Amino acid sequence: MFSTKSVLLFVVGVLIAYGVNRFYSQSTTTQTDGTMEDYKNAKSVYDFTVKDSQGADVSLEKYRGKVLLIVNIASQCGLTKGNYAELTELSQKYADKDFKILSFPCNQFGGQMPEGDGEEMVCHLRSAKAEVGDVFAKIDVNGDGAHPLYKYLKHKQGGTLGDSIKWNFAKFLVNKDGQPVDRYAPTTSPSSIVKDIDKLLG
């Protein structure tokens, strides 16, 4: 019914088509691990995976439907005491709402976050009486080694003097769809963001 030649051509065509489609799907699908370098193609913060303070992977998909405040924290900065206190107030104020603070320790600014991940970080925050939401592993927020999440945040919400994070306690506000909608300077107090949070919570 079919010649050997036509069957072979058909099989080869199928294999080529499979290979092209497989390559295309791999090259265009947004990766969801923390090493995703093509951050400009990310659809939302939910496309990223970060490490918790114990080194386990956490997909930000778990925060879908919540308003997020993403902050790079430090323990020995002049802004630490005020930010820790006000972030704690926000955590308590919105404890029963669809709101979460995501805190990322960062040692890039004057070496002011020397504490290690894990128990050392837990002990530091406990002694500081700081309830700063979910705390993740220490990351870089600037430079080539910046975490892809922060590359994405800076790409979506550029700063007034360039995209780079200027200092400890820069803040990004993310809506319930995972879209970064605002950016605040390190000197902006968390309590002054309440009106913006309330607006997103509806």
Protein backbone atom coordinates (compact mmCIF):
# COMPACT_ATOMS: atom_id res chain seq x y z
CA MET A 1 0.00 0.00 0.00
CA PHE A 2 2.82 2.40 0.91
CA SER A 3 6.29 2.11 -0.49
CA THR A 4 9.23 1.69 1.86
CA LYS A 5 10.55 5.04 0.68
CA SER A 6 7.34 6.92 1.48
CA VAL A 7 7.14 5.33 4.93
CA LEU A 8 10.74 6.32 5.68
CA LEU A 9 10.11 9.87 4.53
CA PHE A 10 7.03 10.04 6.74
CA VAL A 11 8.94 8.77 9.81
CA VAL A 12 11.81 11.19 9.18
CA GLY A 13 9.32 14.05 8.83
CA VAL A 14 7.64 13.15 12.11
CA LEU A 15 10.98 12.95 13.92
CA ILE A 16 12.09 16.31 12.56
CA ALA A 17 8.78 17.92 13.49
CA TYR A 18 9.03 16.42 17.00
CA GLY A 19 12.55 17.71 17.41
CA VAL A 20 11.64 21.21 16.26
CA ASN A 21 8.58 21.37 18.49
CA ARG A 22 10.53 20.04 21.45
CA PHE A 23 13.28 22.61 20.92
CA TYR A 24 10.73 25.39 20.47
CA SER A 25 8.83 24.49 23.62
CA GLN A 26 12.01 24.26 25.66
CA SER A 27 13.37 27.55 24.39
CA THR A 28 10.16 29.53 24.85
CA THR A 29 8.80 28.09 28.07
CA THR A 30 9.53 30.27 31.08
CA GLN A 31 11.71 28.36 33.47
CA THR A 32 10.58 28.40 37.08
CA ASP A 33 13.84 27.88 38.89
CA GLY A 34 15.91 30.55 40.60
CA THR A 35 18.52 30.44 37.88
CA MET A 36 16.18 31.81 35.22
CA GLU A 37 18.30 34.38 33.43
CA ASP A 38 15.72 35.40 30.85
CA TYR A 39 13.88 37.39 33.50
CA LYS A 40 12.49 39.85 30.93
CA ASN A 41 10.18 37.11 29.64
CA ALA A 42 8.73 36.33 33.06
CA LYS A 43 4.99 36.92 33.25
CA SER A 44 4.91 37.58 37.01
CA VAL A 45 6.80 36.94 40.23
CA TYR A 46 5.15 33.51 40.24
CA ASP A 47 7.61 32.40 37.56
CA PHE A 48 10.46 32.45 40.08
CA THR A 49 11.73 30.02 42.67
CA VAL A 50 13.81 31.16 45.64
CA LYS A 51 15.58 29.41 48.50
CA ASP A 52 14.32 29.55 52.06
CA SER A 53 16.76 30.13 54.90
CA GLN A 54 17.36 26.37 55.13
CA GLY A 55 18.23 26.10 51.44
CA ALA A 56 14.98 24.47 50.26
CA ASP A 57 13.32 25.62 47.03
CA VAL A 58 10.20 27.77 47.37
CA SER A 59 8.10 28.58 44.31
CA LEU A 60 6.59 32.03 44.57
CA GLU A 61 3.49 30.43 43.05
CA LYS A 62 2.51 29.72 46.67
CA TYR A 63 1.79 33.44 47.10
CA ARG A 64 -0.63 33.67 44.18
CA GLY A 65 -3.57 35.91 45.07
CA LYS A 66 -1.71 37.80 47.80
CA VAL A 67 -0.41 41.35 47.89
CA LEU A 68 3.36 41.18 48.50
CA LEU A 69 5.92 43.59 49.88
CA ILE A 70 9.40 42.43 48.87
CA VAL A 71 12.27 43.89 50.88
CA ASN A 72 16.06 43.45 51.06
CA ILE A 73 16.87 43.47 54.77
CA ALA A 74 20.04 44.03 56.82
CA SER A 75 20.81 43.74 60.52
CA GLN A 76 23.37 46.48 61.12
CA CYS A 77 22.08 49.39 59.05
CA GLY A 78 20.99 52.76 60.37
CA LEU A 79 17.59 51.98 58.85
CA THR A 80 17.28 48.57 60.51
CA LYS A 81 15.56 49.46 63.77
CA GLY A 82 12.81 51.57 62.21
CA ASN A 83 12.18 49.19 59.32
CA TYR A 84 12.16 46.09 61.51
CA ALA A 85 9.62 47.73 63.85
CA GLU A 86 7.33 48.95 61.08
CA LEU A 87 7.56 45.75 59.02
CA THR A 88 6.60 43.88 62.18
CA GLU A 89 3.60 46.21 62.59
CA LEU A 90 2.54 45.52 58.99
CA SER A 91 2.89 41.75 59.50
CA GLN A 92 0.63 41.93 62.54
CA LYS A 93 -1.83 44.42 61.04
CA TYR A 94 -2.45 42.25 57.97
CA ALA A 95 -2.01 38.83 59.59
CA ASP A 96 -5.53 37.77 58.58
CA LYS A 97 -5.47 39.45 55.16
CA ASP A 98 -4.13 38.37 51.77
CA PHE A 99 -0.84 40.13 52.38
CA LYS A 100 2.70 38.89 52.95
CA ILE A 101 6.12 40.42 53.43
CA LEU A 102 8.96 38.58 51.69
CA SER A 103 12.32 39.50 53.23
CA PHE A 104 15.62 38.81 51.49
CA PRO A 105 18.77 39.28 53.59
CA CYS A 106 21.49 40.98 51.56
CA ASN A 107 25.08 41.76 52.52
CA GLN A 108 25.95 43.92 49.50
CA PHE A 109 25.64 47.28 51.23
CA GLY A 110 28.50 47.91 53.63
CA GLY A 111 28.52 44.29 54.79
CA GLN A 112 25.59 45.09 57.06
CA MET A 113 23.97 41.63 56.96
CA PRO A 114 26.79 39.38 58.25
CA GLU A 115 24.50 36.75 59.78
CA GLY A 116 24.43 33.41 58.04
CA ASP A 117 21.33 31.63 56.78
CA GLY A 118 19.43 29.18 58.91
CA GLU A 119 19.57 29.20 62.69
CA GLU A 120 21.86 32.23 62.87
CA MET A 121 19.32 34.32 60.94
CA VAL A 122 16.41 32.98 62.99
CA CYS A 123 18.20 33.85 66.24
CA HIS A 124 19.04 37.34 65.02
CA LEU A 125 15.45 38.14 64.05
CA ARG A 126 14.12 36.64 67.27
CA SER A 127 16.48 38.74 69.39
CA ALA A 128 15.54 41.81 67.37
CA LYS A 129 11.84 40.98 67.88
CA ALA A 130 11.45 41.36 64.15
CA GLU A 131 8.49 39.65 62.47
CA VAL A 132 9.39 40.54 58.91
CA GLY A 133 7.25 37.99 57.10
CA ASP A 134 8.82 35.06 55.28
CA VAL A 135 12.61 35.24 55.34
CA PHE A 136 14.64 33.66 52.56
CA ALA A 137 18.28 32.77 51.94
CA LYS A 138 20.76 35.61 51.59
CA ILE A 139 21.05 36.90 48.02
CA ASP A 140 22.65 39.60 45.89
CA VAL A 141 20.27 42.22 44.54
CA ASN A 142 22.71 44.07 42.26
CA GLY A 143 25.31 43.06 39.69
CA ASP A 144 25.66 40.04 37.45
CA GLY A 145 25.08 37.73 40.40
CA ALA A 146 21.80 39.34 41.39
CA HIS A 147 18.97 36.89 41.91
CA PRO A 148 16.75 36.68 38.79
CA LEU A 149 13.75 37.74 40.90
CA TYR A 150 15.47 41.03 41.66
CA LYS A 151 16.54 41.47 38.05
CA TYR A 152 12.87 41.11 37.16
CA LEU A 153 11.68 43.53 39.86
CA LYS A 154 14.20 46.16 38.79
CA HIS A 155 13.28 45.64 35.13
CA LYS A 156 9.58 46.16 35.87
CA GLN A 157 10.02 49.01 38.34
CA GLY A 158 13.13 51.03 37.50
CA GLY A 159 14.52 53.45 40.06
CA THR A 160 14.78 57.23 39.66
CA LEU A 161 18.57 57.09 39.31
CA GLY A 162 18.88 53.84 37.41
CA ASP A 163 17.55 50.38 38.11
CA SER A 164 20.06 49.28 40.76
CA ILE A 165 19.00 48.89 44.38
CA LYS A 166 20.45 51.87 46.25
CA TRP A 167 20.71 50.49 49.79
CA ASN A 168 19.20 48.18 52.39
CA PHE A 169 15.40 48.15 52.75
CA ALA A 170 14.39 49.02 49.20
CA LYS A 171 10.78 47.89 48.78
CA PHE A 172 8.67 46.53 45.92
CA LEU A 173 4.89 46.26 46.13
CA VAL A 174 3.33 43.42 44.11
CA ASN A 175 -0.38 43.08 43.39
CA LYS A 176 -2.55 39.96 43.63
CA ASP A 177 -1.70 39.04 40.04
CA GLY A 178 2.02 38.91 40.81
CA GLN A 179 2.75 42.20 39.03
CA PRO A 180 5.21 44.70 40.60
CA VAL A 181 3.20 47.93 40.77
CA ASP A 182 5.37 50.24 42.88
CA ARG A 183 8.87 50.73 44.22
CA TYR A 184 9.95 52.62 47.33
CA ALA A 185 13.29 54.03 48.40
CA PRO A 186 15.17 52.56 51.38
CA THR A 187 14.25 55.65 53.40
CA THR A 188 10.51 55.21 52.75
CA SER A 189 8.94 53.96 55.96
CA PRO A 190 6.85 50.81 55.70
CA SER A 191 3.98 52.50 57.57
CA SER A 192 3.67 55.08 54.79
CA ILE A 193 2.90 52.28 52.31
CA VAL A 194 -0.27 51.24 54.17
CA LYS A 195 -2.59 53.25 51.89
CA ASP A 196 -1.12 51.57 48.81
CA ILE A 197 -1.46 48.12 50.39
CA ASP A 198 -5.08 48.80 51.33
CA LYS A 199 -5.86 49.90 47.78
CA LEU A 200 -4.50 46.62 46.36
CA LEU A 201 -6.30 44.55 48.98
CA GLY A 202 -9.54 46.28 47.99
